[in-house]
C-alpha atoms as a PDB file:
ATOM      1  CA  UNK A   1       0.000   0.000   0.000  1.00  0.00           C
ATOM      2  CA  UNK A   2       1.171   3.528  -0.815  1.00  0.00           C
ATOM      3  CA  UNK A   3      -0.201   7.025  -0.341  1.00  0.00           C
ATOM      4  CA  UNK A   4      -1.708   6.792  -3.835  1.00  0.00           C
ATOM      5  CA  UNK A   5      -4.109   4.102  -2.570  1.00  0.00           C
ATOM      6  CA  UNK A   6      -5.681   6.439   0.005  1.00  0.00           C
ATOM      7  CA  UNK A   7      -8.745   8.469  -0.912  1.00  0.00           C
ATOM      8  CA  UNK A   8      -9.479  11.199   1.615  1.00  0.00           C
ATOM      9  CA  UNK A   9     -13.118  11.948   2.245  1.00  0.00           C
ATOM     10  CA  UNK A  10     -14.871  15.300   2.382  1.00  0.00           C
ATOM     11  CA  UNK A  11     -13.346  17.876   4.741  1.00  0.00           C
ATOM     12  CA  UNK A  12     -10.086  15.904   5.034  1.00  0.00           C
ATOM     13  CA  UNK A  13      -6.876  17.444   3.663  1.00  0.00           C
ATOM     14  CA  UNK A  14      -3.398  15.975   3.198  1.00  0.00           C
ATOM     15  CA  UNK A  15      -0.898  17.631   5.529  1.00  0.00           C
ATOM     16  CA  UNK A  16       2.789  18.168   4.802  1.00  0.00           C
ATOM     17  CA  UNK A  17       5.782  19.845   6.468  1.00  0.00           C
ATOM     18  CA  UNK A  18       4.146  23.283   6.325  1.00  0.00           C
ATOM     19  CA  UNK A  19       1.291  21.876   8.434  1.00  0.00           C
ATOM     20  CA  UNK A  20       3.472  20.379  11.164  1.00  0.00           C
ATOM     21  CA  UNK A  21       2.501  22.974  13.767  1.00  0.00           C
ATOM     22  CA  UNK A  22      -1.203  22.378  13.169  1.00  0.00           C
ATOM     23  CA  UNK A  23      -0.696  18.606  13.384  1.00  0.00           C
ATOM     24  CA  UNK A  24       1.139  19.029  16.672  1.00  0.00           C
ATOM     25  CA  UNK A  25      -1.422  21.468  18.093  1.00  0.00           C
ATOM     26  CA  UNK A  26      -4.401  19.214  17.347  1.00  0.00           C
ATOM     27  CA  UNK A  27      -2.770  16.024  18.552  1.00  0.00           C
ATOM     28  CA  UNK A  28      -1.356  17.517  21.734  1.00  0.00           C
ATOM     29  CA  UNK A  29      -4.786  18.866  22.668  1.00  0.00           C
ATOM     30  CA  UNK A  30      -6.352  15.484  21.917  1.00  0.00           C
ATOM     31  CA  UNK A  31      -3.851  13.699  24.170  1.00  0.00           C
ATOM     32  CA  UNK A  32      -3.964  16.316  26.929  1.00  0.00           C
ATOM     33  CA  UNK A  33      -5.591  13.890  29.405  1.00  0.00           C
ATOM     34  CA  UNK A  34      -4.182  10.671  28.006  1.00  0.00           C
ATOM     35  CA  UNK A  35      -3.135   8.441  30.952  1.00  0.00           C
ATOM     36  CA  UNK A  36       0.027   7.043  29.408  1.00  0.00           C
ATOM     37  CA  UNK A  37       1.339  10.402  28.262  1.00  0.00           C
ATOM     38  CA  UNK A  38       0.415  11.973  31.602  1.00  0.00           C
ATOM     39  CA  UNK A  39       2.537   9.311  33.312  1.00  0.00           C
ATOM     40  CA  UNK A  40       5.324   9.785  30.803  1.00  0.00           C
ATOM     41  CA  UNK A  41       5.698  13.555  31.149  1.00  0.00           C
ATOM     42  CA  UNK A  42       3.774  14.710  34.206  1.00  0.00           C
ATOM     43  CA  UNK A  43       2.603  17.904  32.514  1.00  0.00           C
ATOM     44  CA  UNK A  44       1.074  19.186  29.296  1.00  0.00           C
ATOM     45  CA  UNK A  45       4.235  20.981  28.197  1.00  0.00           C
ATOM     46  CA  UNK A  46       5.992  17.648  27.703  1.00  0.00           C
ATOM     47  CA  UNK A  47       3.056  16.136  25.804  1.00  0.00           C
ATOM     48  CA  UNK A  48       2.897  19.197  23.573  1.00  0.00           C
ATOM     49  CA  UNK A  49       6.616  19.074  22.840  1.00  0.00           C
ATOM     50  CA  UNK A  50       6.547  15.377  21.909  1.00  0.00           C
ATOM     51  CA  UNK A  51       3.707  15.680  19.417  1.00  0.00           C
ATOM     52  CA  UNK A  52       5.134  18.798  17.816  1.00  0.00           C
ATOM     53  CA  UNK A  53       8.480  17.036  17.523  1.00  0.00           C
ATOM     54  CA  UNK A  54       6.963  13.922  15.986  1.00  0.00           C
ATOM     55  CA  UNK A  55       4.895  15.994  13.546  1.00  0.00           C
ATOM     56  CA  UNK A  56       7.787  18.244  12.535  1.00  0.00           C
ATOM     57  CA  UNK A  57      10.681  15.813  12.331  1.00  0.00           C
ATOM     58  CA  UNK A  58       9.071  12.458  11.518  1.00  0.00           C
ATOM     59  CA  UNK A  59       5.511  12.244  10.258  1.00  0.00           C
ATOM     60  CA  UNK A  60       5.055  15.393   8.155  1.00  0.00           C
ATOM     61  CA  UNK A  61       8.405  14.655   6.535  1.00  0.00           C
ATOM     62  CA  UNK A  62       8.157  10.964   5.688  1.00  0.00           C
ATOM     63  CA  UNK A  63       4.752   9.775   6.864  1.00  0.00           C
ATOM     64  CA  UNK A  64       1.177  10.218   5.683  1.00  0.00           C
ATOM     65  CA  UNK A  65      -0.705  12.925   7.574  1.00  0.00           C
ATOM     66  CA  UNK A  66      -4.033  14.643   7.138  1.00  0.00           C
ATOM     67  CA  UNK A  67      -6.367  16.963   9.005  1.00  0.00           C
ATOM     68  CA  UNK A  68     -10.034  17.776   9.335  1.00  0.00           C
ATOM     69  CA  UNK A  69      -9.904  21.554   9.447  1.00  0.00           C
ATOM     70  CA  UNK A  70      -8.424  22.504  12.806  1.00  0.00           C
ATOM     71  CA  UNK A  71     -10.394  19.857  14.739  1.00  0.00           C
ATOM     72  CA  UNK A  72      -8.791  16.486  13.964  1.00  0.00           C
ATOM     73  CA  UNK A  73      -5.597  14.946  12.646  1.00  0.00           C
ATOM     74  CA  UNK A  74      -3.985  11.600  11.824  1.00  0.00           C
ATOM     75  CA  UNK A  75      -0.323  10.696  11.531  1.00  0.00           C
ATOM     76  CA  UNK A  76       0.458   7.402   9.783  1.00  0.00           C
ATOM     77  CA  UNK A  77       3.562   5.671   8.480  1.00  0.00           C
ATOM     78  CA  UNK A  78       3.101   3.629   5.314  1.00  0.00           C
ATOM     79  CA  UNK A  79       4.365   0.015   5.014  1.00  0.00           C
ATOM     80  CA  UNK A  80       8.118  -0.167   4.647  1.00  0.00           C
ATOM     81  CA  UNK A  81       8.754   3.431   5.752  1.00  0.00           C
ATOM     82  CA  UNK A  82      10.791   4.289   8.833  1.00  0.00           C
ATOM     83  CA  UNK A  83       9.363   6.038  11.904  1.00  0.00           C
ATOM     84  CA  UNK A  84      12.424   5.566  14.113  1.00  0.00           C
ATOM     85  CA  UNK A  85      14.304   8.378  15.863  1.00  0.00           C
ATOM     86  CA  UNK A  86      17.785   9.367  14.769  1.00  0.00           C
ATOM     87  CA  UNK A  87      20.401  10.513  17.284  1.00  0.00           C
ATOM     88  CA  UNK A  88      19.489  14.111  16.457  1.00  0.00           C
ATOM     89  CA  UNK A  89      15.793  13.344  16.992  1.00  0.00           C
ATOM     90  CA  UNK A  90      16.549  11.951  20.442  1.00  0.00           C
ATOM     91  CA  UNK A  91      18.541  15.085  21.256  1.00  0.00           C
ATOM     92  CA  UNK A  92      15.662  17.266  20.068  1.00  0.00           C
ATOM     93  CA  UNK A  93      13.390  15.277  22.382  1.00  0.00           C
ATOM     94  CA  UNK A  94      15.638  15.001  25.427  1.00  0.00           C
ATOM     95  CA  UNK A  95      16.977  18.512  25.930  1.00  0.00           C
ATOM     96  CA  UNK A  96      13.635  20.421  25.947  1.00  0.00           C
ATOM     97  CA  UNK A  97      11.967  17.593  27.888  1.00  0.00           C
ATOM     98  CA  UNK A  98      14.660  17.832  30.558  1.00  0.00           C
ATOM     99  CA  UNK A  99      13.870  21.502  31.128  1.00  0.00           C
ATOM    100  CA  UNK A 100      10.089  21.150  30.806  1.00  0.00           C
ATOM    101  CA  UNK A 101       9.559  17.927  32.762  1.00  0.00           C
ATOM    102  CA  UNK A 102      12.764  16.782  34.449  1.00  0.00           C
ATOM    103  CA  UNK A 103      15.223  13.924  34.046  1.00  0.00           C
ATOM    104  CA  UNK A 104      12.659  11.274  34.959  1.00  0.00           C
ATOM    105  CA  UNK A 105      10.545  12.131  31.911  1.00  0.00           C
ATOM    106  CA  UNK A 106      13.594  11.865  29.649  1.00  0.00           C
ATOM    107  CA  UNK A 107      14.372   8.431  31.086  1.00  0.00           C
ATOM    108  CA  UNK A 108      10.767   7.277  30.752  1.00  0.00           C
ATOM    109  CA  UNK A 109      10.576   8.579  27.191  1.00  0.00           C
ATOM    110  CA  UNK A 110      13.707   6.771  26.075  1.00  0.00           C
ATOM    111  CA  UNK A 111      12.648   3.533  27.759  1.00  0.00           C
ATOM    112  CA  UNK A 112       9.205   3.797  26.216  1.00  0.00           C
ATOM    113  CA  UNK A 113      10.704   4.283  22.757  1.00  0.00           C
ATOM    114  CA  UNK A 114      12.950   1.270  23.229  1.00  0.00           C
ATOM    115  CA  UNK A 115      10.077  -0.889  24.519  1.00  0.00           C
ATOM    116  CA  UNK A 116       7.841   0.122  21.611  1.00  0.00           C
ATOM    117  CA  UNK A 117      10.578  -0.650  19.106  1.00  0.00           C
ATOM    118  CA  UNK A 118      11.103  -4.096  20.625  1.00  0.00           C
ATOM    119  CA  UNK A 119       7.425  -4.957  20.190  1.00  0.00           C
ATOM    120  CA  UNK A 120       6.952  -3.287  16.799  1.00  0.00           C
ATOM    121  CA  UNK A 121       5.851  -5.848  14.186  1.00  0.00           C
ATOM    122  CA  UNK A 122       8.338  -7.118  11.619  1.00  0.00           C
ATOM    123  CA  UNK A 123       5.607  -7.786   9.030  1.00  0.00           C
ATOM    124  CA  UNK A 124       4.564  -5.075   6.551  1.00  0.00           C
ATOM    125  CA  UNK A 125       1.864  -2.815   7.966  1.00  0.00           C
ATOM    126  CA  UNK A 126       0.414   0.675   8.034  1.00  0.00           C
ATOM    127  CA  UNK A 127       1.309   2.208  11.405  1.00  0.00           C
ATOM    128  CA  UNK A 128      -1.098   4.631  13.080  1.00  0.00           C
ATOM    129  CA  UNK A 129       1.099   6.739  15.327  1.00  0.00           C
ATOM    130  CA  UNK A 130      -1.704   9.056  16.366  1.00  0.00           C
ATOM    131  CA  UNK A 131      -5.312   9.950  15.715  1.00  0.00           C
ATOM    132  CA  UNK A 132      -6.595  12.970  17.570  1.00  0.00           C
ATOM    133  CA  UNK A 133      -9.727  15.082  17.863  1.00  0.00           C
ATOM    134  CA  UNK A 134      -9.680  18.305  19.840  1.00  0.00           C
ATOM    135  CA  UNK A 135     -11.650  18.096  23.050  1.00  0.00           C
ATOM    136  CA  UNK A 136     -14.040  20.799  21.798  1.00  0.00           C
ATOM    137  CA  UNK A 137     -14.917  18.717  18.693  1.00  0.00           C
ATOM    138  CA  UNK A 138     -15.595  15.329  20.267  1.00  0.00           C
ATOM    139  CA  UNK A 139     -18.859  13.426  20.105  1.00  0.00           C
ATOM    140  CA  UNK A 140     -19.502  14.192  16.421  1.00  0.00           C
ATOM    141  CA  UNK A 141     -18.133  11.026  14.817  1.00  0.00           C
ATOM    142  CA  UNK A 142     -14.967  12.731  13.616  1.00  0.00           C
ATOM    143  CA  UNK A 143     -12.672   9.964  14.849  1.00  0.00           C
ATOM    144  CA  UNK A 144     -14.351   7.446  12.552  1.00  0.00           C
ATOM    145  CA  UNK A 145     -14.142   9.819   9.584  1.00  0.00           C
ATOM    146  CA  UNK A 146     -10.444  10.346  10.283  1.00  0.00           C
ATOM    147  CA  UNK A 147      -9.398   6.724  10.558  1.00  0.00           C
ATOM    148  CA  UNK A 148     -11.537   5.280   7.767  1.00  0.00           C
ATOM    149  CA  UNK A 149      -9.649   6.384   4.595  1.00  0.00           C
ATOM    150  CA  UNK A 150      -6.501   4.464   5.486  1.00  0.00           C
ATOM    151  CA  UNK A 151      -8.462   1.456   6.726  1.00  0.00           C
ATOM    152  CA  UNK A 152     -10.331   1.396   3.408  1.00  0.00           C
ATOM    153  CA  UNK A 153      -7.007   1.473   1.571  1.00  0.00           C
ATOM    154  CA  UNK A 154      -5.754  -1.354   3.794  1.00  0.00           C
ATOM    155  CA  UNK A 155      -8.794  -3.430   2.821  1.00  0.00           C
ATOM    156  CA  UNK A 156      -8.360  -2.763  -0.895  1.00  0.00           C
ATOM    157  CA  UNK A 157      -4.650  -3.616  -0.847  1.00  0.00           C
ATOM    158  CA  UNK A 158      -4.670  -6.437   1.728  1.00  0.00           C
ATOM    159  CA  UNK A 159      -2.563  -4.458   4.210  1.00  0.00           C
ATOM    160  CA  UNK A 160      -2.388  -5.007   7.974  1.00  0.00           C
ATOM    161  CA  UNK A 161      -2.741  -1.952  10.253  1.00  0.00           C
ATOM    162  CA  UNK A 162      -1.038  -1.562  13.643  1.00  0.00           C
ATOM    163  CA  UNK A 163      -1.195   0.885  16.558  1.00  0.00           C
ATOM    164  CA  UNK A 164      -0.430   1.208  20.271  1.00  0.00           C
ATOM    165  CA  UNK A 165      -3.455   2.235  22.322  1.00  0.00           C
ATOM    166  CA  UNK A 166      -2.438   4.522  25.171  1.00  0.00           C
ATOM    167  CA  UNK A 167      -5.929   4.998  26.656  1.00  0.00           C
ATOM    168  CA  UNK A 168      -8.262   2.145  27.722  1.00  0.00           C
ATOM    169  CA  UNK A 169     -11.254   4.394  26.968  1.00  0.00           C
ATOM    170  CA  UNK A 170     -10.444   4.049  23.263  1.00  0.00           C
ATOM    171  CA  UNK A 171     -10.389   0.248  23.188  1.00  0.00           C
ATOM    172  CA  UNK A 172     -14.023  -0.016  22.087  1.00  0.00           C
ATOM    173  CA  UNK A 173     -13.503   2.470  19.261  1.00  0.00           C
ATOM    174  CA  UNK A 174     -10.503   0.591  17.909  1.00  0.00           C
ATOM    175  CA  UNK A 175     -12.269  -2.753  18.299  1.00  0.00           C
ATOM    176  CA  UNK A 176     -15.206  -1.427  16.296  1.00  0.00           C
ATOM    177  CA  UNK A 177     -12.726  -0.550  13.528  1.00  0.00           C
ATOM    178  CA  UNK A 178     -11.445  -4.140  13.472  1.00  0.00           C
ATOM    179  CA  UNK A 179      -8.380  -3.871  15.726  1.00  0.00           C
ATOM    180  CA  UNK A 180      -7.551  -6.656  18.179  1.00  0.00           C
ATOM    181  CA  UNK A 181      -5.022  -6.731  20.994  1.00  0.00           C
ATOM    182  CA  UNK A 182      -1.693  -8.288  20.025  1.00  0.00           C
ATOM    183  CA  UNK A 183      -0.002  -9.830  23.027  1.00  0.00           C
ATOM    184  CA  UNK A 184       0.218  -8.179  26.418  1.00  0.00           C
ATOM    185  CA  UNK A 185       0.689  -4.471  27.093  1.00  0.00           C
ATOM    186  CA  UNK A 186       3.995  -2.672  26.689  1.00  0.00           C
ATOM    187  CA  UNK A 187       5.276  -1.792  30.184  1.00  0.00           C
ATOM    188  CA  UNK A 188       8.452   0.325  29.991  1.00  0.00           C
ATOM    189  CA  UNK A 189       8.548   0.764  33.797  1.00  0.00           C
ATOM    190  CA  UNK A 190       6.681  -0.964  36.617  1.00  0.00           C
ATOM    191  CA  UNK A 191       4.327   1.928  37.347  1.00  0.00           C
ATOM    192  CA  UNK A 192       3.470   2.658  33.705  1.00  0.00           C
ATOM    193  CA  UNK A 193      -0.165   2.548  32.571  1.00  0.00           C
ATOM    194  CA  UNK A 194      -0.824  -0.029  29.840  1.00  0.00           C
ATOM    195  CA  UNK A 195       0.268   0.758  26.297  1.00  0.00           C
ATOM    196  CA  UNK A 196      -1.562  -1.884  24.292  1.00  0.00           C
ATOM    197  CA  UNK A 197      -0.425  -3.081  20.830  1.00  0.00           C
ATOM    198  CA  UNK A 198      -3.378  -3.660  18.493  1.00  0.00           C
ATOM    199  CA  UNK A 199      -3.462  -5.113  15.004  1.00  0.00           C
ATOM    200  CA  UNK A 200      -6.110  -5.100  12.292  1.00  0.00           C
ATOM    201  CA  UNK A 201      -6.296  -7.669   9.548  1.00  0.00           C
ATOM    202  CA  UNK A 202      -7.615  -6.390   6.204  1.00  0.00           C
ATOM    203  CA  UNK A 203     -11.278  -7.065   5.569  1.00  0.00           C
ATOM    204  CA  UNK A 204     -12.448  -8.819   2.425  1.00  0.00           C
ATOM    205  CA  UNK A 205     -13.938  -6.427  -0.122  1.00  0.00           C
END
Protein backbone atom coordinates (compact mmCIF):
# COMPACT_ATOMS: atom_id res chain seq x y z
CA UNK A 1 0.00 0.00 0.00
CA UNK A 2 1.17 3.53 -0.81
CA UNK A 3 -0.20 7.02 -0.34
CA UNK A 4 -1.71 6.79 -3.83
CA UNK A 5 -4.11 4.10 -2.57
CA UNK A 6 -5.68 6.44 0.00
CA UNK A 7 -8.74 8.47 -0.91
CA UNK A 8 -9.48 11.20 1.61
CA UNK A 9 -13.12 11.95 2.25
CA UNK A 10 -14.87 15.30 2.38
CA UNK A 11 -13.35 17.88 4.74
CA UNK A 12 -10.09 15.90 5.03
CA UNK A 13 -6.88 17.44 3.66
CA UNK A 14 -3.40 15.97 3.20
CA UNK A 15 -0.90 17.63 5.53
CA UNK A 16 2.79 18.17 4.80
CA UNK A 17 5.78 19.84 6.47
CA UNK A 18 4.15 23.28 6.32
CA UNK A 19 1.29 21.88 8.43
CA UNK A 20 3.47 20.38 11.16
CA UNK A 21 2.50 22.97 13.77
CA UNK A 22 -1.20 22.38 13.17
CA UNK A 23 -0.70 18.61 13.38
CA UNK A 24 1.14 19.03 16.67
CA UNK A 25 -1.42 21.47 18.09
CA UNK A 26 -4.40 19.21 17.35
CA UNK A 27 -2.77 16.02 18.55
CA UNK A 28 -1.36 17.52 21.73
CA UNK A 29 -4.79 18.87 22.67
CA UNK A 30 -6.35 15.48 21.92
CA UNK A 31 -3.85 13.70 24.17
CA UNK A 32 -3.96 16.32 26.93
CA UNK A 33 -5.59 13.89 29.41
CA UNK A 34 -4.18 10.67 28.01
CA UNK A 35 -3.13 8.44 30.95
CA UNK A 36 0.03 7.04 29.41
CA UNK A 37 1.34 10.40 28.26
CA UNK A 38 0.42 11.97 31.60
CA UNK A 39 2.54 9.31 33.31
CA UNK A 40 5.32 9.78 30.80
CA UNK A 41 5.70 13.55 31.15
CA UNK A 42 3.77 14.71 34.21
CA UNK A 43 2.60 17.90 32.51
CA UNK A 44 1.07 19.19 29.30
CA UNK A 45 4.24 20.98 28.20
CA UNK A 46 5.99 17.65 27.70
CA UNK A 47 3.06 16.14 25.80
CA UNK A 48 2.90 19.20 23.57
CA UNK A 49 6.62 19.07 22.84
CA UNK A 50 6.55 15.38 21.91
CA UNK A 51 3.71 15.68 19.42
CA UNK A 52 5.13 18.80 17.82
CA UNK A 53 8.48 17.04 17.52
CA UNK A 54 6.96 13.92 15.99
CA UNK A 55 4.89 15.99 13.55
CA UNK A 56 7.79 18.24 12.54
CA UNK A 57 10.68 15.81 12.33
CA UNK A 58 9.07 12.46 11.52
CA UNK A 59 5.51 12.24 10.26
CA UNK A 60 5.05 15.39 8.16
CA UNK A 61 8.41 14.66 6.53
CA UNK A 62 8.16 10.96 5.69
CA UNK A 63 4.75 9.78 6.86
CA UNK A 64 1.18 10.22 5.68
CA UNK A 65 -0.71 12.93 7.57
CA UNK A 66 -4.03 14.64 7.14
CA UNK A 67 -6.37 16.96 9.00
CA UNK A 68 -10.03 17.78 9.33
CA UNK A 69 -9.90 21.55 9.45
CA UNK A 70 -8.42 22.50 12.81
CA UNK A 71 -10.39 19.86 14.74
CA UNK A 72 -8.79 16.49 13.96
CA UNK A 73 -5.60 14.95 12.65
CA UNK A 74 -3.99 11.60 11.82
CA UNK A 75 -0.32 10.70 11.53
CA UNK A 76 0.46 7.40 9.78
CA UNK A 77 3.56 5.67 8.48
CA UNK A 78 3.10 3.63 5.31
CA UNK A 79 4.36 0.02 5.01
CA UNK A 80 8.12 -0.17 4.65
CA UNK A 81 8.75 3.43 5.75
CA UNK A 82 10.79 4.29 8.83
CA UNK A 83 9.36 6.04 11.90
CA UNK A 84 12.42 5.57 14.11
CA UNK A 85 14.30 8.38 15.86
CA UNK A 86 17.78 9.37 14.77
CA UNK A 87 20.40 10.51 17.28
CA UNK A 88 19.49 14.11 16.46
CA UNK A 89 15.79 13.34 16.99
CA UNK A 90 16.55 11.95 20.44
CA UNK A 91 18.54 15.08 21.26
CA UNK A 92 15.66 17.27 20.07
CA UNK A 93 13.39 15.28 22.38
CA UNK A 94 15.64 15.00 25.43
CA UNK A 95 16.98 18.51 25.93
CA UNK A 96 13.63 20.42 25.95
CA UNK A 97 11.97 17.59 27.89
CA UNK A 98 14.66 17.83 30.56
CA UNK A 99 13.87 21.50 31.13
CA UNK A 100 10.09 21.15 30.81
CA UNK A 101 9.56 17.93 32.76
CA UNK A 102 12.76 16.78 34.45
CA UNK A 103 15.22 13.92 34.05
CA UNK A 104 12.66 11.27 34.96
CA UNK A 105 10.55 12.13 31.91
CA UNK A 106 13.59 11.87 29.65
CA UNK A 107 14.37 8.43 31.09
CA UNK A 108 10.77 7.28 30.75
CA UNK A 109 10.58 8.58 27.19
CA UNK A 110 13.71 6.77 26.08
CA UNK A 111 12.65 3.53 27.76
CA UNK A 112 9.20 3.80 26.22
CA UNK A 113 10.70 4.28 22.76
CA UNK A 114 12.95 1.27 23.23
CA UNK A 115 10.08 -0.89 24.52
CA UNK A 116 7.84 0.12 21.61
CA UNK A 117 10.58 -0.65 19.11
CA UNK A 118 11.10 -4.10 20.62
CA UNK A 119 7.43 -4.96 20.19
CA UNK A 120 6.95 -3.29 16.80
CA UNK A 121 5.85 -5.85 14.19
CA UNK A 122 8.34 -7.12 11.62
CA UNK A 123 5.61 -7.79 9.03
CA UNK A 124 4.56 -5.07 6.55
CA UNK A 125 1.86 -2.82 7.97
CA UNK A 126 0.41 0.67 8.03
CA UNK A 127 1.31 2.21 11.41
CA UNK A 128 -1.10 4.63 13.08
CA UNK A 129 1.10 6.74 15.33
CA UNK A 130 -1.70 9.06 16.37
CA UNK A 131 -5.31 9.95 15.72
CA UNK A 132 -6.59 12.97 17.57
CA UNK A 133 -9.73 15.08 17.86
CA UNK A 134 -9.68 18.30 19.84
CA UNK A 135 -11.65 18.10 23.05
CA UNK A 136 -14.04 20.80 21.80
CA UNK A 137 -14.92 18.72 18.69
CA UNK A 138 -15.59 15.33 20.27
CA UNK A 139 -18.86 13.43 20.10
CA UNK A 140 -19.50 14.19 16.42
CA UNK A 141 -18.13 11.03 14.82
CA UNK A 142 -14.97 12.73 13.62
CA UNK A 143 -12.67 9.96 14.85
CA UNK A 144 -14.35 7.45 12.55
CA UNK A 145 -14.14 9.82 9.58
CA UNK A 146 -10.44 10.35 10.28
CA UNK A 147 -9.40 6.72 10.56
CA UNK A 148 -11.54 5.28 7.77
CA UNK A 149 -9.65 6.38 4.60
CA UNK A 150 -6.50 4.46 5.49
CA UNK A 151 -8.46 1.46 6.73
CA UNK A 152 -10.33 1.40 3.41
CA UNK A 153 -7.01 1.47 1.57
CA UNK A 154 -5.75 -1.35 3.79
CA UNK A 155 -8.79 -3.43 2.82
CA UNK A 156 -8.36 -2.76 -0.90
CA UNK A 157 -4.65 -3.62 -0.85
CA UNK A 158 -4.67 -6.44 1.73
CA UNK A 159 -2.56 -4.46 4.21
CA UNK A 160 -2.39 -5.01 7.97
CA UNK A 161 -2.74 -1.95 10.25
CA UNK A 162 -1.04 -1.56 13.64
CA UNK A 163 -1.19 0.88 16.56
CA UNK A 164 -0.43 1.21 20.27
CA UNK A 165 -3.46 2.24 22.32
CA UNK A 166 -2.44 4.52 25.17
CA UNK A 167 -5.93 5.00 26.66
CA UNK A 168 -8.26 2.15 27.72
CA UNK A 169 -11.25 4.39 26.97
CA UNK A 170 -10.44 4.05 23.26
CA UNK A 171 -10.39 0.25 23.19
CA UNK A 172 -14.02 -0.02 22.09
CA UNK A 173 -13.50 2.47 19.26
CA UNK A 174 -10.50 0.59 17.91
CA UNK A 175 -12.27 -2.75 18.30
CA UNK A 176 -15.21 -1.43 16.30
CA UNK A 177 -12.73 -0.55 13.53
CA UNK A 178 -11.44 -4.14 13.47
CA UNK A 179 -8.38 -3.87 15.73
CA UNK A 180 -7.55 -6.66 18.18
CA UNK A 181 -5.02 -6.73 20.99
CA UNK A 182 -1.69 -8.29 20.03
CA UNK A 183 0.00 -9.83 23.03
CA UNK A 184 0.22 -8.18 26.42
CA UNK A 185 0.69 -4.47 27.09
CA UNK A 186 3.99 -2.67 26.69
CA UNK A 187 5.28 -1.79 30.18
CA UNK A 188 8.45 0.32 29.99
CA UNK A 189 8.55 0.76 33.80
CA UNK A 190 6.68 -0.96 36.62
CA UNK A 191 4.33 1.93 37.35
CA UNK A 192 3.47 2.66 33.70
CA UNK A 193 -0.17 2.55 32.57
CA UNK A 194 -0.82 -0.03 29.84
CA UNK A 195 0.27 0.76 26.30
CA UNK A 196 -1.56 -1.88 24.29
CA UNK A 197 -0.43 -3.08 20.83
CA UNK A 198 -3.38 -3.66 18.49
CA UNK A 199 -3.46 -5.11 15.00
CA UNK A 200 -6.11 -5.10 12.29
CA UNK A 201 -6.30 -7.67 9.55
CA UNK A 202 -7.62 -6.39 6.20
CA UNK A 203 -11.28 -7.06 5.57
CA UNK A 204 -12.45 -8.82 2.42
CA UNK A 205 -13.94 -6.43 -0.12
